[in-house]
Amino acid sequence: ILMARKKTEAKSDSTSVSKAIRMCVDTGKAEFGMKGALSHSAHGQGKLVIVASNAPLDELSDLKKYCALSNLPLYVFGGDSRELGSLCGKPYLVSAMWVSDVGDSPILNMVKK
């Protein structure tokens, strides 16, 4: 029973994070693409960087390093770039996104947990 409860909690957590990401895109300001995320995180700009689980490892390690140096939260989305793009309402793959304004979304509180 405990295992089933943990799976349900994990599923509801990922669903609520997905809803928060969508709300962030709809009510806040976000840019899409690894190049922009790397550039902005290297300069310490923005509130949050979200990256897909299948992002290229070399770029992901650079992004982790830049985010750590600039105290910028980095969230690795559980789905792949196709799912992240679909969640954001984009007709293309999104491997990374940089958030400058979260809008009405509670995503920052969820990510910092």
N, C-alpha and C. Protein backbone atom coordinates (compact mmCIF):
# COMPACT_ATOMS: atom_id res chain seq x y z
N ILE A 1 0.83 -1.19 0.00
CA ILE A 1 0.00 0.00 0.00
C ILE A 1 0.87 1.25 0.00
N LEU A 2 1.96 1.20 0.74
CA LEU A 2 2.87 2.34 0.80
C LEU A 2 3.48 2.63 -0.56
N MET A 3 3.86 1.60 -1.30
CA MET A 3 4.44 1.77 -2.63
C MET A 3 3.42 2.44 -3.57
N ALA A 4 2.18 2.00 -3.51
CA ALA A 4 1.14 2.58 -4.36
C ALA A 4 0.92 4.05 -4.00
N ARG A 5 0.97 4.36 -2.73
CA ARG A 5 0.78 5.74 -2.30
C ARG A 5 1.92 6.61 -2.80
N LYS A 6 3.16 6.11 -2.73
CA LYS A 6 4.31 6.88 -3.21
C LYS A 6 4.21 7.13 -4.71
N LYS A 7 3.78 6.12 -5.47
CA LYS A 7 3.62 6.30 -6.91
C LYS A 7 2.55 7.35 -7.20
N THR A 8 1.46 7.30 -6.46
CA THR A 8 0.38 8.27 -6.66
C THR A 8 0.85 9.67 -6.31
N GLU A 9 1.60 9.80 -5.20
CA GLU A 9 2.13 11.11 -4.81
C GLU A 9 3.10 11.65 -5.85
N ALA A 10 3.96 10.78 -6.37
CA ALA A 10 4.92 11.20 -7.39
C ALA A 10 4.20 11.64 -8.65
N LYS A 11 3.15 10.89 -9.02
CA LYS A 11 2.39 11.24 -10.22
C LYS A 11 1.67 12.58 -10.03
N SER A 12 1.08 12.80 -8.85
CA SER A 12 0.38 14.06 -8.62
C SER A 12 1.37 15.23 -8.54
N ASP A 13 2.58 14.99 -8.01
CA ASP A 13 3.60 16.03 -7.98
C ASP A 13 4.01 16.43 -9.39
N SER A 14 4.22 15.45 -10.26
CA SER A 14 4.62 15.77 -11.63
C SER A 14 3.48 16.46 -12.38
N THR A 15 2.24 16.08 -12.09
CA THR A 15 1.10 16.72 -12.72
C THR A 15 1.00 18.18 -12.27
N SER A 16 1.19 18.43 -10.99
CA SER A 16 1.10 19.80 -10.50
C SER A 16 2.25 20.66 -11.02
N VAL A 17 3.45 20.08 -11.15
CA VAL A 17 4.57 20.82 -11.73
C VAL A 17 4.28 21.13 -13.20
N SER A 18 3.71 20.17 -13.90
CA SER A 18 3.35 20.40 -15.31
C SER A 18 2.34 21.53 -15.44
N LYS A 19 1.35 21.54 -14.57
CA LYS A 19 0.36 22.64 -14.59
C LYS A 19 1.02 23.97 -14.27
N ALA A 20 1.97 23.96 -13.34
CA ALA A 20 2.66 25.20 -12.97
C ALA A 20 3.52 25.71 -14.12
N ILE A 21 4.16 24.78 -14.86
CA ILE A 21 4.96 25.18 -16.02
C ILE A 21 4.06 25.82 -17.07
N ARG A 22 2.91 25.19 -17.34
CA ARG A 22 1.98 25.72 -18.33
C ARG A 22 1.48 27.10 -17.91
N MET A 23 1.15 27.27 -16.62
CA MET A 23 0.68 28.55 -16.13
C MET A 23 1.78 29.60 -16.25
N CYS A 24 3.00 29.20 -16.02
CA CYS A 24 4.14 30.11 -16.14
C CYS A 24 4.27 30.61 -17.58
N VAL A 25 4.13 29.70 -18.54
CA VAL A 25 4.22 30.07 -19.95
C VAL A 25 3.05 30.99 -20.34
N ASP A 26 1.86 30.69 -19.82
CA ASP A 26 0.67 31.47 -20.18
C ASP A 26 0.63 32.85 -19.54
N THR A 27 1.06 32.97 -18.27
CA THR A 27 0.90 34.25 -17.57
C THR A 27 2.21 35.00 -17.34
N GLY A 28 3.33 34.34 -17.55
CA GLY A 28 4.63 34.97 -17.32
C GLY A 28 5.39 35.20 -18.61
N LYS A 29 6.72 35.23 -18.49
CA LYS A 29 7.59 35.43 -19.65
C LYS A 29 8.62 34.31 -19.68
N ALA A 30 8.68 33.62 -20.80
CA ALA A 30 9.64 32.53 -20.95
C ALA A 30 10.18 32.54 -22.37
N GLU A 31 11.44 32.16 -22.48
CA GLU A 31 12.08 31.99 -23.79
C GLU A 31 12.48 30.53 -23.92
N PHE A 32 12.47 30.05 -25.14
CA PHE A 32 12.71 28.63 -25.38
C PHE A 32 14.00 28.43 -26.17
N GLY A 33 14.74 27.40 -25.79
CA GLY A 33 15.96 27.05 -26.51
C GLY A 33 17.16 26.96 -25.59
N MET A 34 18.02 26.00 -25.88
CA MET A 34 19.20 25.76 -25.05
C MET A 34 20.19 26.92 -25.14
N LYS A 35 20.36 27.47 -26.33
CA LYS A 35 21.33 28.55 -26.52
C LYS A 35 21.00 29.76 -25.65
N GLY A 36 19.74 30.15 -25.64
CA GLY A 36 19.31 31.27 -24.81
C GLY A 36 19.41 30.97 -23.33
N ALA A 37 19.04 29.74 -22.95
CA ALA A 37 19.12 29.35 -21.54
C ALA A 37 20.56 29.38 -21.06
N LEU A 38 21.49 28.91 -21.88
CA LEU A 38 22.91 28.94 -21.52
C LEU A 38 23.40 30.38 -21.38
N SER A 39 23.03 31.23 -22.32
CA SER A 39 23.47 32.62 -22.30
C SER A 39 22.94 33.36 -21.08
N HIS A 40 21.65 33.26 -20.84
CA HIS A 40 21.04 33.97 -19.72
C HIS A 40 21.55 33.44 -18.38
N SER A 41 21.70 32.13 -18.26
CA SER A 41 22.18 31.57 -16.99
C SER A 41 23.64 31.93 -16.74
N ALA A 42 24.43 32.05 -17.80
CA ALA A 42 25.83 32.45 -17.63
C ALA A 42 25.94 33.87 -17.11
N HIS A 43 24.95 34.70 -17.44
CA HIS A 43 24.94 36.09 -16.98
C HIS A 43 24.12 36.27 -15.70
N GLY A 44 23.56 35.18 -15.18
CA GLY A 44 22.79 35.25 -13.94
C GLY A 44 21.47 35.96 -14.06
N GLN A 45 20.87 35.91 -15.23
CA GLN A 45 19.62 36.60 -15.48
C GLN A 45 18.45 35.64 -15.34
N GLY A 46 17.32 36.16 -14.89
CA GLY A 46 16.10 35.38 -14.84
C GLY A 46 15.79 34.80 -13.47
N LYS A 47 14.74 33.98 -13.45
CA LYS A 47 14.25 33.39 -12.21
C LYS A 47 14.46 31.88 -12.17
N LEU A 48 14.44 31.21 -13.34
CA LEU A 48 14.42 29.75 -13.36
C LEU A 48 14.80 29.25 -14.74
N VAL A 49 15.45 28.09 -14.78
CA VAL A 49 15.72 27.39 -16.03
C VAL A 49 15.12 26.00 -15.91
N ILE A 50 14.37 25.61 -16.93
CA ILE A 50 13.77 24.28 -16.98
C ILE A 50 14.36 23.56 -18.18
N VAL A 51 14.77 22.33 -17.98
CA VAL A 51 15.40 21.56 -19.04
C VAL A 51 14.73 20.19 -19.14
N ALA A 52 14.59 19.68 -20.36
CA ALA A 52 13.98 18.37 -20.59
C ALA A 52 14.95 17.26 -20.17
N SER A 53 14.39 16.11 -19.86
CA SER A 53 15.22 14.99 -19.37
C SER A 53 16.17 14.45 -20.43
N ASN A 54 15.85 14.67 -21.70
CA ASN A 54 16.72 14.14 -22.76
C ASN A 54 17.60 15.21 -23.40
N ALA A 55 17.86 16.29 -22.67
CA ALA A 55 18.74 17.35 -23.18
C ALA A 55 20.15 16.78 -23.36
N PRO A 56 20.90 17.30 -24.32
CA PRO A 56 22.28 16.82 -24.52
C PRO A 56 23.10 16.99 -23.24
N LEU A 57 23.82 15.95 -22.88
CA LEU A 57 24.54 15.92 -21.61
C LEU A 57 25.61 17.00 -21.48
N ASP A 58 26.33 17.30 -22.57
CA ASP A 58 27.36 18.34 -22.49
C ASP A 58 26.74 19.71 -22.21
N GLU A 59 25.63 20.02 -22.87
CA GLU A 59 24.96 21.29 -22.63
C GLU A 59 24.31 21.33 -21.26
N LEU A 60 23.79 20.19 -20.81
CA LEU A 60 23.19 20.11 -19.48
C LEU A 60 24.22 20.34 -18.39
N SER A 61 25.41 19.80 -18.56
CA SER A 61 26.45 20.02 -17.55
C SER A 61 26.89 21.48 -17.53
N ASP A 62 26.99 22.12 -18.70
CA ASP A 62 27.31 23.55 -18.74
C ASP A 62 26.21 24.36 -18.05
N LEU A 63 24.97 24.01 -18.32
CA LEU A 63 23.83 24.71 -17.74
C LEU A 63 23.82 24.56 -16.22
N LYS A 64 24.11 23.35 -15.73
CA LYS A 64 24.18 23.13 -14.28
C LYS A 64 25.27 23.99 -13.65
N LYS A 65 26.39 24.07 -14.32
CA LYS A 65 27.52 24.86 -13.80
C LYS A 65 27.16 26.34 -13.74
N TYR A 66 26.59 26.87 -14.82
CA TYR A 66 26.23 28.29 -14.86
C TYR A 66 25.14 28.61 -13.84
N CYS A 67 24.16 27.75 -13.71
CA CYS A 67 23.08 27.98 -12.74
C CYS A 67 23.61 27.95 -11.32
N ALA A 68 24.53 27.05 -11.03
CA ALA A 68 25.11 26.97 -9.69
C ALA A 68 25.91 28.23 -9.37
N LEU A 69 26.67 28.72 -10.35
CA LEU A 69 27.47 29.92 -10.13
C LEU A 69 26.63 31.17 -9.93
N SER A 70 25.48 31.22 -10.58
CA SER A 70 24.64 32.42 -10.48
C SER A 70 23.43 32.23 -9.55
N ASN A 71 23.41 31.14 -8.79
CA ASN A 71 22.31 30.85 -7.86
C ASN A 71 20.94 30.89 -8.53
N LEU A 72 20.87 30.35 -9.73
CA LEU A 72 19.64 30.28 -10.50
C LEU A 72 19.09 28.87 -10.41
N PRO A 73 17.83 28.69 -9.99
CA PRO A 73 17.29 27.33 -9.88
C PRO A 73 17.21 26.64 -11.25
N LEU A 74 17.57 25.37 -11.26
CA LEU A 74 17.49 24.55 -12.47
C LEU A 74 16.58 23.38 -12.17
N TYR A 75 15.55 23.20 -12.99
CA TYR A 75 14.61 22.10 -12.81
C TYR A 75 14.70 21.18 -14.02
N VAL A 76 14.94 19.90 -13.77
CA VAL A 76 14.97 18.91 -14.85
C VAL A 76 13.58 18.31 -14.94
N PHE A 77 12.89 18.62 -16.03
CA PHE A 77 11.54 18.15 -16.28
C PHE A 77 11.58 16.64 -16.52
N GLY A 78 10.63 15.91 -15.99
CA GLY A 78 10.61 14.46 -16.08
C GLY A 78 10.38 13.92 -17.47
N GLY A 79 9.79 14.69 -18.35
CA GLY A 79 9.51 14.23 -19.71
C GLY A 79 10.59 14.65 -20.69
N ASP A 80 10.46 14.20 -21.91
CA ASP A 80 11.44 14.55 -22.94
C ASP A 80 11.09 15.89 -23.58
N SER A 81 11.90 16.29 -24.55
CA SER A 81 11.73 17.61 -25.18
C SER A 81 10.42 17.72 -25.96
N ARG A 82 9.91 16.61 -26.46
CA ARG A 82 8.63 16.63 -27.17
C ARG A 82 7.50 16.93 -26.17
N GLU A 83 7.55 16.29 -25.01
CA GLU A 83 6.53 16.52 -23.98
C GLU A 83 6.60 17.94 -23.43
N LEU A 84 7.81 18.45 -23.23
CA LEU A 84 7.97 19.82 -22.72
C LEU A 84 7.45 20.83 -23.74
N GLY A 85 7.75 20.62 -25.01
CA GLY A 85 7.23 21.50 -26.05
C GLY A 85 5.72 21.49 -26.12
N SER A 86 5.14 20.30 -26.03
CA SER A 86 3.68 20.16 -26.05
C SER A 86 3.06 20.83 -24.83
N LEU A 87 3.66 20.64 -23.68
CA LEU A 87 3.17 21.25 -22.45
C LEU A 87 3.17 22.77 -22.54
N CYS A 88 4.17 23.32 -23.21
CA CYS A 88 4.29 24.78 -23.36
C CYS A 88 3.44 25.32 -24.52
N GLY A 89 2.77 24.43 -25.23
CA GLY A 89 1.93 24.86 -26.35
C GLY A 89 2.71 25.19 -27.60
N LYS A 90 3.89 24.63 -27.74
CA LYS A 90 4.73 24.89 -28.90
C LYS A 90 4.68 23.70 -29.86
N PRO A 91 4.69 23.97 -31.16
CA PRO A 91 4.65 22.88 -32.14
C PRO A 91 6.03 22.32 -32.46
N TYR A 92 6.97 22.48 -31.55
CA TYR A 92 8.33 22.00 -31.78
C TYR A 92 8.91 21.47 -30.46
N LEU A 93 10.05 20.83 -30.56
CA LEU A 93 10.72 20.30 -29.38
C LEU A 93 11.31 21.44 -28.55
N VAL A 94 11.22 21.33 -27.24
CA VAL A 94 11.80 22.32 -26.34
C VAL A 94 12.73 21.57 -25.39
N SER A 95 14.03 21.74 -25.58
CA SER A 95 14.98 21.05 -24.70
C SER A 95 15.28 21.87 -23.46
N ALA A 96 15.12 23.19 -23.55
CA ALA A 96 15.35 24.05 -22.40
C ALA A 96 14.51 25.32 -22.54
N MET A 97 14.16 25.87 -21.38
CA MET A 97 13.45 27.14 -21.37
C MET A 97 13.96 27.98 -20.21
N TRP A 98 14.01 29.27 -20.44
CA TRP A 98 14.49 30.24 -19.47
C TRP A 98 13.31 31.11 -19.08
N VAL A 99 13.07 31.25 -17.79
CA VAL A 99 11.93 32.00 -17.28
C VAL A 99 12.41 33.30 -16.64
N SER A 100 11.92 34.43 -17.16
CA SER A 100 12.28 35.72 -16.57
C SER A 100 11.19 36.24 -15.65
N ASP A 101 9.94 35.78 -15.86
CA ASP A 101 8.82 36.18 -15.01
C ASP A 101 7.89 34.99 -14.90
N VAL A 102 7.62 34.55 -13.67
CA VAL A 102 6.79 33.35 -13.48
C VAL A 102 5.30 33.66 -13.56
N GLY A 103 4.91 34.90 -13.58
CA GLY A 103 3.50 35.25 -13.67
C GLY A 103 2.75 34.78 -12.44
N ASP A 104 1.61 34.13 -12.64
CA ASP A 104 0.77 33.64 -11.53
C ASP A 104 1.14 32.23 -11.10
N SER A 105 2.18 31.68 -11.67
CA SER A 105 2.55 30.28 -11.41
C SER A 105 3.30 30.12 -10.08
N PRO A 106 3.01 29.02 -9.36
CA PRO A 106 3.73 28.73 -8.12
C PRO A 106 4.99 27.88 -8.36
N ILE A 107 5.51 27.90 -9.58
CA ILE A 107 6.60 27.01 -9.97
C ILE A 107 7.85 27.22 -9.11
N LEU A 108 8.19 28.43 -8.74
CA LEU A 108 9.40 28.65 -7.95
C LEU A 108 9.33 27.96 -6.59
N ASN A 109 8.17 28.01 -5.96
CA ASN A 109 8.01 27.34 -4.66
C ASN A 109 8.09 25.83 -4.82
N MET A 110 7.60 25.31 -5.91
CA MET A 110 7.62 23.86 -6.14
C MET A 110 9.03 23.38 -6.44
N VAL A 111 9.78 24.15 -7.18
CA VAL A 111 11.13 23.75 -7.59
C VAL A 111 12.12 23.85 -6.43
N LYS A 112 11.95 24.82 -5.58
CA LYS A 112 12.90 25.04 -4.48
C LYS A 112 12.74 24.04 -3.33
N LYS A 113 11.69 23.21 -3.36
CA LYS A 113 11.46 22.22 -2.30
C LYS A 113 12.57 21.21 -2.23
